[in-house]
Amino acid sequence: QFVTGRGIYDRYKKNPEKIKNKKVWSEVENWMGVTIVNSSIFWSPDIVVVGGAVGLNKNISADRINKRIKEVFSLMPKIPLVKKAELGQLSGLYGALAMAKQNRR
């Protein structure tokens, strides 16, 4: 709820695409980092790809999220790399296909 379009709207009473305040986006990036680390505790991914309207928003920086994760969660044995999605709306399908191919071997 902290990093979804609806969650941002509920907190700031403004559509995310209309928010220009860098402090707001810094807070969203921080919560994205927290969410990614919390999820990583269970699955230990090497990389996390963020997408969707919020993750691909021009105000969101994967570099800043990675920096924040390293600052705050430096005691974790494995910190995943965060990257922005590059494959558009079908990226989930491409990822599933790649995983299926790897598991078939």
PDB file of N, CA and C in Angstrom:
ATOM      1  N   GLN A   1       0.804  -1.203   0.000  1.00  0.00           N
ATOM      2  CA  GLN A   1       0.000   0.000   0.000  1.00  0.00           C
ATOM      3  C   GLN A   1       0.841   1.259   0.000  1.00  0.00           C
ATOM      4  N   PHE A   2       2.108   1.150   0.366  1.00  0.00           N
ATOM      5  CA  PHE A   2       2.948   2.341   0.413  1.00  0.00           C
ATOM      6  C   PHE A   2       3.509   2.717  -0.954  1.00  0.00           C
ATOM      7  N   VAL A   3       3.630   1.743  -1.844  1.00  0.00           N
ATOM      8  CA  VAL A   3       4.280   2.025  -3.124  1.00  0.00           C
ATOM      9  C   VAL A   3       3.371   1.770  -4.320  1.00  0.00           C
ATOM     10  N   THR A   4       2.081   1.678  -4.080  1.00  0.00           N
ATOM     11  CA  THR A   4       1.139   1.519  -5.188  1.00  0.00           C
ATOM     12  C   THR A   4       0.555   2.874  -5.555  1.00  0.00           C
ATOM     13  N   GLY A   5       0.061   2.975  -6.758  1.00  0.00           N
ATOM     14  CA  GLY A   5      -0.574   4.218  -7.187  1.00  0.00           C
ATOM     15  C   GLY A   5      -1.709   4.614  -6.261  1.00  0.00           C
ATOM     16  N   ARG A   6      -2.525   3.637  -5.901  1.00  0.00           N
ATOM     17  CA  ARG A   6      -3.663   3.910  -5.012  1.00  0.00           C
ATOM     18  C   ARG A   6      -3.186   4.325  -3.615  1.00  0.00           C
ATOM     19  N   GLY A   7      -2.159   3.657  -3.119  1.00  0.00           N
ATOM     20  CA  GLY A   7      -1.621   4.003  -1.805  1.00  0.00           C
ATOM     21  C   GLY A   7      -1.055   5.417  -1.776  1.00  0.00           C
ATOM     22  N   ILE A   8      -0.368   5.788  -2.836  1.00  0.00           N
ATOM     23  CA  ILE A   8       0.179   7.151  -2.930  1.00  0.00           C
ATOM     24  C   ILE A   8      -0.956   8.159  -3.003  1.00  0.00           C
ATOM     25  N   TYR A   9      -1.964   7.848  -3.794  1.00  0.00           N
ATOM     26  CA  TYR A   9      -3.123   8.743  -3.895  1.00  0.00           C
ATOM     27  C   TYR A   9      -3.801   8.913  -2.532  1.00  0.00           C
ATOM     28  N   ASP A  10      -3.992   7.811  -1.828  1.00  0.00           N
ATOM     29  CA  ASP A  10      -4.643   7.879  -0.518  1.00  0.00           C
ATOM     30  C   ASP A  10      -3.849   8.725   0.473  1.00  0.00           C
ATOM     31  N   ARG A  11      -2.518   8.643   0.429  1.00  0.00           N
ATOM     32  CA  ARG A  11      -1.680   9.405   1.356  1.00  0.00           C
ATOM     33  C   ARG A  11      -1.593  10.876   1.004  1.00  0.00           C
ATOM     34  N   TYR A  12      -1.463  11.179  -0.289  1.00  0.00           N
ATOM     35  CA  TYR A  12      -1.192  12.567  -0.704  1.00  0.00           C
ATOM     36  C   TYR A  12      -2.379  13.256  -1.380  1.00  0.00           C
ATOM     37  N   LYS A  13      -3.479  12.505  -1.567  1.00  0.00           N
ATOM     38  CA  LYS A  13      -4.701  13.062  -2.174  1.00  0.00           C
ATOM     39  C   LYS A  13      -4.435  13.676  -3.546  1.00  0.00           C
ATOM     40  N   LYS A  14      -3.547  13.016  -4.279  1.00  0.00           N
ATOM     41  CA  LYS A  14      -3.171  13.477  -5.610  1.00  0.00           C
ATOM     42  C   LYS A  14      -2.736  12.276  -6.427  1.00  0.00           C
ATOM     43  N   ASN A  15      -3.090  12.265  -7.707  1.00  0.00           N
ATOM     44  CA  ASN A  15      -2.618  11.188  -8.582  1.00  0.00           C
ATOM     45  C   ASN A  15      -1.095  11.225  -8.652  1.00  0.00           C
ATOM     46  N   PRO A  16      -0.440  10.061  -8.553  1.00  0.00           N
ATOM     47  CA  PRO A  16       1.023  10.032  -8.547  1.00  0.00           C
ATOM     48  C   PRO A  16       1.669  10.755  -9.734  1.00  0.00           C
ATOM     49  N   GLU A  17       1.057  10.642 -10.923  1.00  0.00           N
ATOM     50  CA  GLU A  17       1.665  11.289 -12.093  1.00  0.00           C
ATOM     51  C   GLU A  17       1.645  12.810 -12.000  1.00  0.00           C
ATOM     52  N   LYS A  18       0.868  13.358 -11.071  1.00  0.00           N
ATOM     53  CA  LYS A  18       0.810  14.823 -10.902  1.00  0.00           C
ATOM     54  C   LYS A  18       1.682  15.315  -9.758  1.00  0.00           C
ATOM     55  N   ILE A  19       2.307  14.411  -9.041  1.00  0.00           N
ATOM     56  CA  ILE A  19       3.158  14.797  -7.908  1.00  0.00           C
ATOM     57  C   ILE A  19       4.557  15.131  -8.414  1.00  0.00           C
ATOM     58  N   LYS A  20       5.016  16.322  -8.113  1.00  0.00           N
ATOM     59  CA  LYS A  20       6.345  16.777  -8.544  1.00  0.00           C
ATOM     60  C   LYS A  20       7.325  16.888  -7.373  1.00  0.00           C
ATOM     61  N   ASN A  21       6.830  16.867  -6.152  1.00  0.00           N
ATOM     62  CA  ASN A  21       7.634  17.052  -4.959  1.00  0.00           C
ATOM     63  C   ASN A  21       8.661  15.923  -4.796  1.00  0.00           C
ATOM     64  N   LYS A  22       9.943  16.274  -4.821  1.00  0.00           N
ATOM     65  CA  LYS A  22      11.010  15.280  -4.729  1.00  0.00           C
ATOM     66  C   LYS A  22      11.019  14.568  -3.382  1.00  0.00           C
ATOM     67  N   LYS A  23      10.567  15.253  -2.341  1.00  0.00           N
ATOM     68  CA  LYS A  23      10.516  14.639  -1.013  1.00  0.00           C
ATOM     69  C   LYS A  23       9.523  13.466  -1.005  1.00  0.00           C
ATOM     70  N   VAL A  24       8.411  13.633  -1.695  1.00  0.00           N
ATOM     71  CA  VAL A  24       7.417  12.561  -1.795  1.00  0.00           C
ATOM     72  C   VAL A  24       8.034  11.357  -2.489  1.00  0.00           C
ATOM     73  N   TRP A  25       8.716  11.588  -3.612  1.00  0.00           N
ATOM     74  CA  TRP A  25       9.292  10.475  -4.364  1.00  0.00           C
ATOM     75  C   TRP A  25      10.445   9.823  -3.609  1.00  0.00           C
ATOM     76  N   SER A  26      11.166  10.599  -2.828  1.00  0.00           N
ATOM     77  CA  SER A  26      12.213  10.029  -1.982  1.00  0.00           C
ATOM     78  C   SER A  26      11.604   9.089  -0.949  1.00  0.00           C
ATOM     79  N   GLU A  27      10.468   9.476  -0.392  1.00  0.00           N
ATOM     80  CA  GLU A  27       9.765   8.627   0.563  1.00  0.00           C
ATOM     81  C   GLU A  27       9.268   7.344  -0.119  1.00  0.00           C
ATOM     82  N   VAL A  28       8.743   7.474  -1.320  1.00  0.00           N
ATOM     83  CA  VAL A  28       8.276   6.294  -2.060  1.00  0.00           C
ATOM     84  C   VAL A  28       9.457   5.363  -2.344  1.00  0.00           C
ATOM     85  N   GLU A  29      10.585   5.918  -2.770  1.00  0.00           N
ATOM     86  CA  GLU A  29      11.775   5.097  -3.021  1.00  0.00           C
ATOM     87  C   GLU A  29      12.228   4.386  -1.750  1.00  0.00           C
ATOM     88  N   ASN A  30      12.172   5.079  -0.621  1.00  0.00           N
ATOM     89  CA  ASN A  30      12.544   4.468   0.654  1.00  0.00           C
ATOM     90  C   ASN A  30      11.633   3.277   0.954  1.00  0.00           C
ATOM     91  N   TRP A  31      10.324   3.458   0.797  1.00  0.00           N
ATOM     92  CA  TRP A  31       9.384   2.362   1.059  1.00  0.00           C
ATOM     93  C   TRP A  31       9.564   1.226   0.056  1.00  0.00           C
ATOM     94  N   MET A  32       9.924   1.558  -1.179  1.00  0.00           N
ATOM     95  CA  MET A  32      10.204   0.498  -2.155  1.00  0.00           C
ATOM     96  C   MET A  32      11.401  -0.326  -1.674  1.00  0.00           C
ATOM     97  N   GLY A  33      12.424   0.354  -1.180  1.00  0.00           N
ATOM     98  CA  GLY A  33      13.598  -0.342  -0.656  1.00  0.00           C
ATOM     99  C   GLY A  33      13.248  -1.255   0.510  1.00  0.00           C
ATOM    100  N   VAL A  34      12.439  -0.753   1.437  1.00  0.00           N
ATOM    101  CA  VAL A  34      12.016  -1.550   2.593  1.00  0.00           C
ATOM    102  C   VAL A  34      11.229  -2.768   2.123  1.00  0.00           C
ATOM    103  N   THR A  35      10.319  -2.550   1.192  1.00  0.00           N
ATOM    104  CA  THR A  35       9.494  -3.644   0.664  1.00  0.00           C
ATOM    105  C   THR A  35      10.356  -4.703  -0.009  1.00  0.00           C
ATOM    106  N   ILE A  36      11.322  -4.256  -0.797  1.00  0.00           N
ATOM    107  CA  ILE A  36      12.201  -5.188  -1.516  1.00  0.00           C
ATOM    108  C   ILE A  36      13.042  -6.005  -0.541  1.00  0.00           C
ATOM    109  N   VAL A  37      13.591  -5.354   0.477  1.00  0.00           N
ATOM    110  CA  VAL A  37      14.403  -6.086   1.454  1.00  0.00           C
ATOM    111  C   VAL A  37      13.544  -7.071   2.235  1.00  0.00           C
ATOM    112  N   ASN A  38      12.362  -6.653   2.665  1.00  0.00           N
ATOM    113  CA  ASN A  38      11.485  -7.562   3.406  1.00  0.00           C
ATOM    114  C   ASN A  38      11.129  -8.783   2.565  1.00  0.00           C
ATOM    115  N   SER A  39      10.852  -8.575   1.295  1.00  0.00           N
ATOM    116  CA  SER A  39      10.545  -9.705   0.408  1.00  0.00           C
ATOM    117  C   SER A  39      11.772 -10.567   0.174  1.00  0.00           C
ATOM    118  N   SER A  40      12.934  -9.948   0.109  1.00  0.00           N
ATOM    119  CA  SER A  40      14.177 -10.669  -0.173  1.00  0.00           C
ATOM    120  C   SER A  40      14.564 -11.613   0.957  1.00  0.00           C
ATOM    121  N   ILE A  41      14.107 -11.317   2.151  1.00  0.00           N
ATOM    122  CA  ILE A  41      14.395 -12.199   3.282  1.00  0.00           C
ATOM    123  C   ILE A  41      13.815 -13.583   3.015  1.00  0.00           C
ATOM    124  N   PHE A  42      12.682 -13.642   2.347  1.00  0.00           N
ATOM    125  CA  PHE A  42      12.019 -14.916   2.083  1.00  0.00           C
ATOM    126  C   PHE A  42      12.533 -15.616   0.833  1.00  0.00           C
ATOM    127  N   TRP A  43      12.888 -14.851  -0.211  1.00  0.00           N
ATOM    128  CA  TRP A  43      13.214 -15.476  -1.496  1.00  0.00           C
ATOM    129  C   TRP A  43      14.648 -15.305  -1.956  1.00  0.00           C
ATOM    130  N   SER A  44      15.420 -14.435  -1.385  1.00  0.00           N
ATOM    131  CA  SER A  44      16.833 -14.222  -1.723  1.00  0.00           C
ATOM    132  C   SER A  44      17.095 -14.060  -3.216  1.00  0.00           C
ATOM    133  N   PRO A  45      16.409 -13.143  -3.887  1.00  0.00           N
ATOM    134  CA  PRO A  45      16.660 -12.965  -5.321  1.00  0.00           C
ATOM    135  C   PRO A  45      17.986 -12.238  -5.562  1.00  0.00           C
ATOM    136  N   ASP A  46      18.552 -12.465  -6.722  1.00  0.00           N
ATOM    137  CA  ASP A  46      19.748 -11.721  -7.124  1.00  0.00           C
ATOM    138  C   ASP A  46      19.378 -10.341  -7.632  1.00  0.00           C
ATOM    139  N   ILE A  47      18.193 -10.245  -8.232  1.00  0.00           N
ATOM    140  CA  ILE A  47      17.756  -8.992  -8.841  1.00  0.00           C
ATOM    141  C   ILE A  47      16.245  -8.847  -8.634  1.00  0.00           C
ATOM    142  N   VAL A  48      15.807  -7.611  -8.469  1.00  0.00           N
ATOM    143  CA  VAL A  48      14.384  -7.302  -8.375  1.00  0.00           C
ATOM    144  C   VAL A  48      14.080  -6.275  -9.454  1.00  0.00           C
ATOM    145  N   VAL A  49      13.118  -6.585 -10.294  1.00  0.00           N
ATOM    146  CA  VAL A  49      12.728  -5.680 -11.379  1.00  0.00           C
ATOM    147  C   VAL A  49      11.448  -4.970 -10.957  1.00  0.00           C
ATOM    148  N   VAL A  50      11.502  -3.641 -10.944  1.00  0.00           N
ATOM    149  CA  VAL A  50      10.312  -2.860 -10.597  1.00  0.00           C
ATOM    150  C   VAL A  50       9.694  -2.315 -11.875  1.00  0.00           C
ATOM    151  N   GLY A  51       8.389  -2.349 -11.921  1.00  0.00           N
ATOM    152  CA  GLY A  51       7.670  -1.863 -13.087  1.00  0.00           C
ATOM    153  C   GLY A  51       6.360  -1.252 -12.663  1.00  0.00           C
ATOM    154  N   GLY A  52       5.446  -1.214 -13.579  1.00  0.00           N
ATOM    155  CA  GLY A  52       4.146  -0.613 -13.296  1.00  0.00           C
ATOM    156  C   GLY A  52       4.226   0.900 -13.328  1.00  0.00           C
ATOM    157  N   ALA A  53       3.107   1.528 -13.105  1.00  0.00           N
ATOM    158  CA  ALA A  53       3.026   2.986 -13.199  1.00  0.00           C
ATOM    159  C   ALA A  53       3.931   3.686 -12.187  1.00  0.00           C
ATOM    160  N   VAL A  54       4.045   3.141 -10.987  1.00  0.00           N
ATOM    161  CA  VAL A  54       4.889   3.775  -9.970  1.00  0.00           C
ATOM    162  C   VAL A  54       6.355   3.436 -10.202  1.00  0.00           C
ATOM    163  N   GLY A  55       6.671   2.166 -10.378  1.00  0.00           N
ATOM    164  CA  GLY A  55       8.063   1.750 -10.555  1.00  0.00           C
ATOM    165  C   GLY A  55       8.729   2.358 -11.770  1.00  0.00           C
ATOM    166  N   LEU A  56       7.947   2.605 -12.822  1.00  0.00           N
ATOM    167  CA  LEU A  56       8.505   3.194 -14.042  1.00  0.00           C
ATOM    168  C   LEU A  56       8.328   4.706 -14.112  1.00  0.00           C
ATOM    169  N   ASN A  57       7.789   5.298 -13.057  1.00  0.00           N
ATOM    170  CA  ASN A  57       7.627   6.749 -13.014  1.00  0.00           C
ATOM    171  C   ASN A  57       8.991   7.414 -13.163  1.00  0.00           C
ATOM    172  N   LYS A  58       9.045   8.497 -13.915  1.00  0.00           N
ATOM    173  CA  LYS A  58      10.328   9.175 -14.167  1.00  0.00           C
ATOM    174  C   LYS A  58      10.975   9.724 -12.897  1.00  0.00           C
ATOM    175  N   ASN A  59      10.192   9.885 -11.827  1.00  0.00           N
ATOM    176  CA  ASN A  59      10.732  10.403 -10.569  1.00  0.00           C
ATOM    177  C   ASN A  59      11.350   9.311  -9.699  1.00  0.00           C
ATOM    178  N   ILE A  60      11.194   8.059 -10.088  1.00  0.00           N
ATOM    179  CA  ILE A  60      11.748   6.929  -9.332  1.00  0.00           C
ATOM    180  C   ILE A  60      13.089   6.544  -9.938  1.00  0.00           C
ATOM    181  N   SER A  61      14.095   6.398  -9.078  1.00  0.00           N
ATOM    182  CA  SER A  61      15.436   6.040  -9.534  1.00  0.00           C
ATOM    183  C   SER A  61      15.863   4.707  -8.919  1.00  0.00           C
ATOM    184  N   ALA A  62      16.151   3.742  -9.764  1.00  0.00           N
ATOM    185  CA  ALA A  62      16.655   2.451  -9.275  1.00  0.00           C
ATOM    186  C   ALA A  62      17.982   2.646  -8.551  1.00  0.00           C
ATOM    187  N   ASP A  63      18.813   3.574  -9.034  1.00  0.00           N
ATOM    188  CA  ASP A  63      20.100   3.844  -8.377  1.00  0.00           C
ATOM    189  C   ASP A  63      19.901   4.339  -6.952  1.00  0.00           C
ATOM    190  N   ARG A  64      18.943   5.242  -6.753  1.00  0.00           N
ATOM    191  CA  ARG A  64      18.681   5.752  -5.398  1.00  0.00           C
ATOM    192  C   ARG A  64      18.091   4.659  -4.508  1.00  0.00           C
ATOM    193  N   ILE A  65      17.246   3.796  -5.067  1.00  0.00           N
ATOM    194  CA  ILE A  65      16.696   2.691  -4.276  1.00  0.00           C
ATOM    195  C   ILE A  65      17.827   1.745  -3.871  1.00  0.00           C
ATOM    196  N   ASN A  66      18.712   1.409  -4.814  1.00  0.00           N
ATOM    197  CA  ASN A  66      19.847   0.533  -4.495  1.00  0.00           C
ATOM    198  C   ASN A  66      20.735   1.153  -3.419  1.00  0.00           C
ATOM    199  N   LYS A  67      20.998   2.437  -3.524  1.00  0.00           N
ATOM    200  CA  LYS A  67      21.829   3.137  -2.542  1.00  0.00           C
ATOM    201  C   LYS A  67      21.160   3.090  -1.171  1.00  0.00           C
ATOM    202  N   ARG A  68      19.880   3.339  -1.137  1.00  0.00           N
ATOM    203  CA  ARG A  68      19.143   3.338   0.130  1.00  0.00           C
ATOM    204  C   ARG A  68      19.144   1.947   0.766  1.00  0.00           C
ATOM    205  N   ILE A  69      18.938   0.925  -0.049  1.00  0.00           N
ATOM    206  CA  ILE A  69      18.952  -0.445   0.469  1.00  0.00           C
ATOM    207  C   ILE A  69      20.306  -0.749   1.107  1.00  0.00           C
ATOM    208  N   LYS A  70      21.383  -0.363   0.450  1.00  0.00           N
ATOM    209  CA  LYS A  70      22.725  -0.634   0.977  1.00  0.00           C
ATOM    210  C   LYS A  70      22.991   0.133   2.263  1.00  0.00           C
ATOM    211  N   GLU A  71      22.486   1.379   2.358  1.00  0.00           N
ATOM    212  CA  GLU A  71      22.689   2.186   3.566  1.00  0.00           C
ATOM    213  C   GLU A  71      21.952   1.610   4.767  1.00  0.00           C
ATOM    214  N   VAL A  72      20.704   1.309   4.562  1.00  0.00           N
ATOM    215  CA  VAL A  72      19.848   0.922   5.675  1.00  0.00           C
ATOM    216  C   VAL A  72      19.974  -0.550   6.034  1.00  0.00           C
ATOM    217  N   PHE A  73      20.196  -1.388   5.044  1.00  0.00           N
ATOM    218  CA  PHE A  73      20.163  -2.818   5.269  1.00  0.00           C
ATOM    219  C   PHE A  73      21.507  -3.481   5.010  1.00  0.00           C
ATOM    220  N   SER A  74      22.565  -2.817   5.402  1.00  0.00           N
ATOM    221  CA  SER A  74      23.911  -3.303   5.109  1.00  0.00           C
ATOM    222  C   SER A  74      24.251  -4.599   5.846  1.00  0.00           C
ATOM    223  N   LEU A  75      23.493  -4.956   6.869  1.00  0.00           N
ATOM    224  CA  LEU A  75      23.789  -6.182   7.614  1.00  0.00           C
ATOM    225  C   LEU A  75      23.237  -7.440   6.945  1.00  0.00           C
ATOM    226  N   MET A  76      22.426  -7.248   5.934  1.00  0.00           N
ATOM    227  CA  MET A  76      21.887  -8.418   5.235  1.00  0.00           C
ATOM    228  C   MET A  76      23.007  -9.109   4.470  1.00  0.00           C
ATOM    229  N   PRO A  77      23.046 -10.428   4.491  1.00  0.00           N
ATOM    230  CA  PRO A  77      24.118 -11.143   3.801  1.00  0.00           C
ATOM    231  C   PRO A  77      24.058 -11.004   2.279  1.00  0.00           C
ATOM    232  N   LYS A  78      22.863 -10.833   1.754  1.00  0.00           N
ATOM    233  CA  LYS A  78      22.711 -10.729   0.300  1.00  0.00           C
ATOM    234  C   LYS A  78      21.696  -9.631   0.001  1.00  0.00           C
ATOM    235  N   ILE A  79      22.133  -8.627  -0.702  1.00  0.00           N
ATOM    236  CA  ILE A  79      21.244  -7.517  -1.048  1.00  0.00           C
ATOM    237  C   ILE A  79      20.997  -7.580  -2.560  1.00  0.00           C
ATOM    238  N   PRO A  80      19.726  -7.668  -2.965  1.00  0.00           N
ATOM    239  CA  PRO A  80      19.447  -7.772  -4.407  1.00  0.00           C
ATOM    240  C   PRO A  80      19.667  -6.447  -5.122  1.00  0.00           C
ATOM    241  N   LEU A  81      19.971  -6.541  -6.386  1.00  0.00           N
ATOM    242  CA  LEU A  81      20.092  -5.373  -7.246  1.00  0.00           C
ATOM    243  C   LEU A  81      18.706  -5.012  -7.753  1.00  0.00           C
ATOM    244  N   VAL A  82      18.368  -3.735  -7.711  1.00  0.00           N
ATOM    245  CA  VAL A  82      17.075  -3.267  -8.201  1.00  0.00           C
ATOM    246  C   VAL A  82      17.275  -2.630  -9.563  1.00  0.00           C
ATOM    247  N   LYS A  83      16.431  -3.032 -10.518  1.00  0.00           N
ATOM    248  CA  LYS A  83      16.462  -2.467 -11.871  1.00  0.00           C
ATOM    249  C   LYS A  83      15.041  -2.146 -12.286  1.00  0.00           C
ATOM    250  N   LYS A  84      14.911  -1.165 -13.171  1.00  0.00           N
ATOM    251  CA  LYS A  84      13.599  -0.846 -13.736  1.00  0.00           C
ATOM    252  C   LYS A  84      13.293  -1.783 -14.895  1.00  0.00           C
ATOM    253  N   ALA A  85      12.022  -2.125 -15.021  1.00  0.00           N
ATOM    254  CA  ALA A  85      11.584  -2.997 -16.107  1.00  0.00           C
ATOM    255  C   ALA A  85      11.883  -2.352 -17.453  1.00  0.00           C
ATOM    256  N   GLU A  86      12.275  -3.180 -18.407  1.00  0.00           N
ATOM    257  CA  GLU A  86      12.577  -2.678 -19.749  1.00  0.00           C
ATOM    258  C   GLU A  86      11.747  -3.354 -20.834  1.00  0.00           C
ATOM    259  N   LEU A  87      10.959  -4.350 -20.466  1.00  0.00           N
ATOM    260  CA  LEU A  87      10.252  -5.143 -21.472  1.00  0.00           C
ATOM    261  C   LEU A  87       8.769  -4.810 -21.602  1.00  0.00           C
ATOM    262  N   GLY A  88       8.324  -3.737 -20.993  1.00  0.00           N
ATOM    263  CA  GLY A  88       6.939  -3.312 -21.148  1.00  0.00           C
ATOM    264  C   GLY A  88       5.933  -4.211 -20.464  1.00  0.00           C
ATOM    265  N   GLN A  89       4.717  -4.215 -20.967  1.00  0.00           N
ATOM    266  CA  GLN A  89       3.605  -4.913 -20.344  1.00  0.00           C
ATOM    267  C   GLN A  89       3.773  -6.430 -20.322  1.00  0.00           C
ATOM    268  N   LEU A  90       4.594  -6.971 -21.199  1.00  0.00           N
ATOM    269  CA  LEU A  90       4.765  -8.422 -21.267  1.00  0.00           C
ATOM    270  C   LEU A  90       5.948  -8.926 -20.445  1.00  0.00           C
ATOM    271  N   SER A  91       6.551  -8.060 -19.662  1.00  0.00           N
ATOM    272  CA  SER A  91       7.763  -8.446 -18.944  1.00  0.00           C
ATOM    273  C   SER A  91       7.542  -9.627 -18.002  1.00  0.00           C
ATOM    274  N   GLY A  92       6.380  -9.695 -17.356  1.00  0.00           N
ATOM    275  CA  GLY A  92       6.097 -10.829 -16.478  1.00  0.00           C
ATOM    276  C   GLY A  92       6.064 -12.142 -17.236  1.00  0.00           C
ATOM    277  N   LEU A  93       5.514 -12.102 -18.439  1.00  0.00           N
ATOM    278  CA  LEU A  93       5.464 -13.309 -19.260  1.00  0.00           C
ATOM    279  C   LEU A  93       6.850 -13.720 -19.727  1.00  0.00           C
ATOM    280  N   TYR A  94       7.668 -12.731 -20.101  1.00  0.00           N
ATOM    281  CA  TYR A  94       9.036 -13.048 -20.518  1.00  0.00           C
ATOM    282  C   TYR A  94       9.826 -13.655 -19.352  1.00  0.00           C
ATOM    283  N   GLY A  95       9.637 -13.105 -18.166  1.00  0.00           N
ATOM    284  CA  GLY A  95      10.318 -13.629 -16.984  1.00  0.00           C
ATOM    285  C   GLY A  95       9.892 -15.051 -16.671  1.00  0.00           C
ATOM    286  N   ALA A  96       8.600 -15.309 -16.772  1.00  0.00           N
ATOM    287  CA  ALA A  96       8.081 -16.655 -16.516  1.00  0.00           C
ATOM    288  C   ALA A  96       8.629 -17.642 -17.545  1.00  0.00           C
ATOM    289  N   LEU A  97       8.710 -17.213 -18.808  1.00  0.00           N
ATOM    290  CA  LEU A  97       9.252 -18.073 -19.857  1.00  0.00           C
ATOM    291  C   LEU A  97      10.723 -18.391 -19.586  1.00  0.00           C
ATOM    292  N   ALA A  98      11.498 -17.390 -19.213  1.00  0.00           N
ATOM    293  CA  ALA A  98      12.915 -17.609 -18.919  1.00  0.00           C
ATOM    294  C   ALA A  98      13.082 -18.560 -17.734  1.00  0.00           C
ATOM    295  N   MET A  99      12.253 -18.387 -16.716  1.00  0.00           N
ATOM    296  CA  MET A  99      12.334 -19.269 -15.548  1.00  0.00           C
ATOM    297  C   MET A  99      11.944 -20.705 -15.922  1.00  0.00           C
ATOM    298  N   ALA A 100      10.926 -20.855 -16.748  1.00  0.00           N
ATOM    299  CA  ALA A 100      10.495 -22.196 -17.193  1.00  0.00           C
ATOM    300  C   ALA A 100      11.621 -22.877 -17.965  1.00  0.00           C
ATOM    301  N   LYS A 101      12.304 -22.113 -18.822  1.00  0.00           N
ATOM    302  CA  LYS A 101      13.408 -22.684 -19.598  1.00  0.00           C
ATOM    303  C   LYS A 101      14.552 -23.123 -18.683  1.00  0.00           C
ATOM    304  N   GLN A 102      14.848 -22.323 -17.667  1.00  0.00           N
ATOM    305  CA  GLN A 102      15.924 -22.675 -16.737  1.00  0.00           C
ATOM    306  C   GLN A 102      15.575 -23.931 -15.948  1.00  0.00           C
ATOM    307  N   ASN A 103      14.339 -24.046 -15.519  1.00  0.00           N
ATOM    308  CA  ASN A 103      13.922 -25.181 -14.701  1.00  0.00           C
ATOM    309  C   ASN A 103      13.776 -26.465 -15.505  1.00  0.00           C
ATOM    310  N   ARG A 104      13.641 -26.334 -16.813  1.00  0.00           N
ATOM    311  CA  ARG A 104      13.502 -27.496 -17.680  1.00  0.00           C
ATOM    312  C   ARG A 104      14.829 -28.233 -17.849  1.00  0.00           C
ATOM    313  N   ARG A 105      15.907 -27.518 -17.701  1.00  0.00           N
ATOM    314  CA  ARG A 105      17.241 -28.127 -17.919  1.00  0.00           C
ATOM    315  C   ARG A 105      17.574 -29.142 -16.911  1.00  0.00           C
TER     316      ARG A 105
END
